[in-house]
Amino acid sequence: MNFNPRDRFFLKAKKENFAARSVFKLEEIDKKYKIFRTKQMVLDLGASPGSWSQYASAKIGAHGKILGVDLSPVTVKLPNAVFLQADLRDLNLKQQFEEHQFVGLFDVVMSDMAPKTTGIRITDQARSFELCELALNVAEEFLKPGGAFICKLFHSDDFVPLRERIKKSYQRFEALKPESTRKISKEIFLIGLNKK
């Protein structure tokens, strides 16, 4: 089957006014594991172009709050979201939370961060692993007990240490390749449920 950038998920996203087709990956994860509820605080890492925040925004409602961070700008406007264009590694997150009135710990930390791909598989996988580790470190510090963690990884041997690390910190570990993931993609989503 040929690669089709305008597949049915692309067209569905356009029709439903989502910023990207990746929204359906998050939707599938949520339907399966019941991640989002009203009034939650959500941290969206690698938020651009904004489709994950769009989905979460609708689920958490007007009394929920989202903070999104990405190197690229997020142009979607959501009444319950604040977006920062920055490198997560250079941000003083605590200071940003205070500045934007995010009080307490987050209910969900989700990361769709991906490296700028080089086409060299081993390099891309190593960079993806580093971003997953970064997201896990953030969740360790800022996700509340009982909270949920979602992270995209380019599948490699690094899957095993990440799985073990998540299993240690969460009651339940899941890995999923959502239906809307392109067949040629090596993406897999790691999910930690019910942080210890």
Protein backbone atom coordinates (compact mmCIF):
# COMPACT_ATOMS: atom_id res chain seq x y z
CA MET A 1 0.00 0.00 0.00
CA ASN A 2 1.35 3.43 -0.94
CA PHE A 3 1.91 6.16 1.63
CA ASN A 4 -1.05 8.54 1.52
CA PRO A 5 -0.61 11.78 3.46
CA ARG A 6 -4.31 12.55 2.90
CA ASP A 7 -5.72 9.32 4.26
CA ARG A 8 -9.13 8.97 5.93
CA PHE A 9 -7.76 10.15 9.30
CA PHE A 10 -6.31 13.27 7.70
CA LEU A 11 -9.66 13.99 6.03
CA LYS A 12 -11.61 13.24 9.22
CA ALA A 13 -9.38 15.62 11.21
CA LYS A 14 -9.96 18.36 8.63
CA LYS A 15 -13.70 17.78 8.66
CA GLU A 16 -13.88 17.88 12.47
CA ASN A 17 -11.63 20.99 12.66
CA PHE A 18 -8.73 19.32 14.43
CA ALA A 19 -5.22 20.69 13.84
CA ALA A 20 -3.82 17.24 12.96
CA ARG A 21 -4.76 13.59 12.41
CA SER A 22 -2.76 12.63 15.53
CA VAL A 23 -5.87 13.56 17.56
CA PHE A 24 -7.31 10.11 16.76
CA LYS A 25 -4.35 8.39 18.43
CA LEU A 26 -5.13 10.21 21.67
CA GLU A 27 -8.85 9.59 21.27
CA GLU A 28 -8.25 5.84 20.93
CA ILE A 29 -5.98 5.83 24.01
CA ASP A 30 -8.60 7.75 25.99
CA LYS A 31 -11.48 5.50 24.91
CA LYS A 32 -9.49 2.44 25.91
CA TYR A 33 -8.02 3.65 29.21
CA LYS A 34 -10.40 6.46 30.33
CA ILE A 35 -7.71 9.10 30.81
CA PHE A 36 -9.65 12.37 30.78
CA ARG A 37 -12.36 13.73 33.08
CA THR A 38 -13.81 17.16 33.72
CA LYS A 39 -11.85 19.71 35.77
CA GLN A 40 -8.47 18.06 35.20
CA MET A 41 -5.15 19.85 34.78
CA VAL A 42 -3.23 18.59 31.76
CA LEU A 43 0.37 19.14 30.69
CA ASP A 44 0.82 18.69 26.91
CA LEU A 45 4.47 18.26 25.89
CA GLY A 46 5.19 18.61 22.18
CA ALA A 47 1.80 20.31 21.85
CA SER A 48 2.12 21.71 18.31
CA PRO A 49 0.05 21.87 16.15
CA GLY A 50 -2.51 21.50 18.95
CA SER A 51 -4.82 18.58 18.16
CA TRP A 52 -4.08 16.73 21.42
CA SER A 53 -4.88 19.87 23.39
CA GLN A 54 -8.06 20.35 21.34
CA TYR A 55 -9.21 16.87 22.30
CA ALA A 56 -8.25 17.20 25.97
CA SER A 57 -9.82 20.67 26.16
CA ALA A 58 -13.23 19.34 25.20
CA LYS A 59 -12.95 16.44 27.67
CA ILE A 60 -11.83 18.45 30.72
CA GLY A 61 -14.31 21.27 30.12
CA ALA A 62 -14.32 24.92 31.14
CA HIS A 63 -13.10 24.18 34.68
CA GLY A 64 -10.09 22.17 33.46
CA LYS A 65 -6.76 23.70 32.39
CA ILE A 66 -4.08 22.79 29.86
CA LEU A 67 -0.52 23.97 29.61
CA GLY A 68 1.10 23.13 26.28
CA VAL A 69 4.81 23.39 25.47
CA ASP A 70 6.47 23.05 22.07
CA LEU A 71 9.44 24.34 20.08
CA SER A 72 6.96 25.26 17.32
CA PRO A 73 4.07 27.68 17.80
CA VAL A 74 0.58 26.39 18.56
CA THR A 75 -1.97 28.49 16.71
CA VAL A 76 -5.21 26.86 17.91
CA LYS A 77 -7.11 29.02 20.40
CA LEU A 78 -8.66 27.23 23.37
CA PRO A 79 -10.36 29.00 26.28
CA ASN A 80 -8.83 26.67 28.89
CA ALA A 81 -5.29 26.37 27.48
CA VAL A 82 -2.02 28.30 27.64
CA PHE A 83 0.72 27.53 25.11
CA LEU A 84 4.42 28.24 25.52
CA GLN A 85 6.82 28.22 22.58
CA ALA A 86 10.03 27.02 24.20
CA ASP A 87 12.46 24.15 24.55
CA LEU A 88 11.28 22.06 27.48
CA ARG A 89 14.91 21.50 28.50
CA ASP A 90 15.45 25.26 28.95
CA LEU A 91 12.21 26.00 30.79
CA ASN A 92 11.85 26.58 34.48
CA LEU A 93 8.52 24.74 34.64
CA LYS A 94 7.79 25.65 38.27
CA GLN A 95 8.10 29.33 37.41
CA GLN A 96 5.86 28.92 34.33
CA PHE A 97 3.19 27.14 36.40
CA GLU A 98 3.17 30.00 38.91
CA GLU A 99 3.13 32.65 36.19
CA HIS A 100 0.13 31.07 34.46
CA GLN A 101 -1.68 30.10 37.69
CA PHE A 102 -1.36 26.33 37.49
CA VAL A 103 -1.66 25.41 41.15
CA GLY A 104 -0.79 21.92 42.39
CA LEU A 105 0.16 18.87 40.37
CA PHE A 106 -1.19 17.73 36.99
CA ASP A 107 -3.75 14.94 36.48
CA VAL A 108 -2.33 14.03 33.06
CA VAL A 109 1.11 14.48 31.51
CA MET A 110 1.06 13.60 27.81
CA SER A 111 3.87 13.80 25.29
CA ASP A 112 3.64 13.62 21.53
CA MET A 113 7.20 14.95 21.29
CA ALA A 114 9.20 13.64 18.37
CA PRO A 115 12.73 14.48 17.21
CA LYS A 116 13.38 16.17 13.90
CA THR A 117 14.01 12.98 11.95
CA THR A 118 17.30 12.42 10.17
CA GLY A 119 16.31 9.28 8.26
CA ILE A 120 19.03 7.42 10.18
CA ARG A 121 16.91 4.99 12.16
CA ILE A 122 19.25 4.42 15.09
CA THR A 123 19.76 8.20 15.57
CA ASP A 124 16.04 8.94 15.37
CA GLN A 125 15.26 6.14 17.85
CA ALA A 126 17.92 7.37 20.30
CA ARG A 127 16.54 10.93 20.15
CA SER A 128 12.98 9.67 20.61
CA PHE A 129 14.12 7.70 23.68
CA GLU A 130 15.72 10.87 25.13
CA LEU A 131 12.46 12.79 24.67
CA CYS A 132 10.52 9.99 26.39
CA GLU A 133 12.95 10.10 29.30
CA LEU A 134 12.53 13.86 29.49
CA ALA A 135 8.73 13.51 29.58
CA LEU A 136 8.99 10.82 32.26
CA ASN A 137 11.22 13.07 34.38
CA VAL A 138 8.66 15.87 34.10
CA ALA A 139 5.85 13.46 35.08
CA GLU A 140 7.88 12.21 38.03
CA GLU A 141 8.02 15.74 39.39
CA PHE A 142 4.71 17.28 38.32
CA LEU A 143 2.15 14.46 37.94
CA LYS A 144 -0.05 13.78 40.96
CA PRO A 145 -0.44 10.33 42.52
CA GLY A 146 -3.19 8.49 40.63
CA GLY A 147 -2.39 10.52 37.51
CA ALA A 148 -1.87 9.25 33.94
CA PHE A 149 1.17 9.46 31.67
CA ILE A 150 1.16 9.06 27.86
CA CYS A 151 4.27 9.19 25.70
CA LYS A 152 5.16 8.55 22.07
CA LEU A 153 8.26 6.46 21.33
CA PHE A 154 9.88 5.37 18.08
CA HIS A 155 9.99 1.65 18.86
CA SER A 156 13.49 0.27 19.54
CA ASP A 157 15.36 -1.79 22.14
CA ASP A 158 14.99 1.24 24.44
CA PHE A 159 11.36 0.20 24.87
CA VAL A 160 12.36 -2.27 27.60
CA PRO A 161 14.05 0.13 30.06
CA LEU A 162 11.23 2.65 29.58
CA ARG A 163 8.61 -0.02 30.21
CA GLU A 164 10.39 -1.11 33.40
CA ARG A 165 10.69 2.47 34.60
CA ILE A 166 6.97 3.13 34.02
CA LYS A 167 6.02 -0.16 35.70
CA LYS A 168 7.98 0.93 38.77
CA SER A 169 6.18 4.27 39.08
CA TYR A 170 2.64 3.39 37.94
CA GLN A 171 0.12 0.75 38.99
CA ARG A 172 -0.41 -0.27 35.36
CA PHE A 173 1.62 -0.11 32.16
CA GLU A 174 0.19 -0.36 28.65
CA ALA A 175 1.71 -0.01 25.17
CA LEU A 176 -0.46 0.72 22.15
CA LYS A 177 -0.06 1.31 18.44
CA PRO A 178 -3.32 3.14 17.65
CA GLU A 179 -5.25 2.29 14.50
CA SER A 180 -4.65 5.79 13.06
CA THR A 181 -0.85 5.31 13.24
CA ARG A 182 0.50 4.96 9.71
CA LYS A 183 1.45 1.37 8.84
CA ILE A 184 5.04 2.38 8.02
CA SER A 185 5.44 4.22 11.32
CA LYS A 186 7.54 2.81 14.17
CA GLU A 187 5.56 4.86 16.70
CA ILE A 188 4.24 3.22 19.81
CA PHE A 189 2.54 4.91 22.75
CA LEU A 190 3.60 4.08 26.30
CA ILE A 191 0.94 4.60 28.94
CA GLY A 192 1.34 4.73 32.70
CA LEU A 193 -1.92 4.58 34.64
CA ASN A 194 -2.46 5.42 38.29
CA LYS A 195 0.86 6.92 39.36
CA LYS A 196 2.07 5.47 42.65
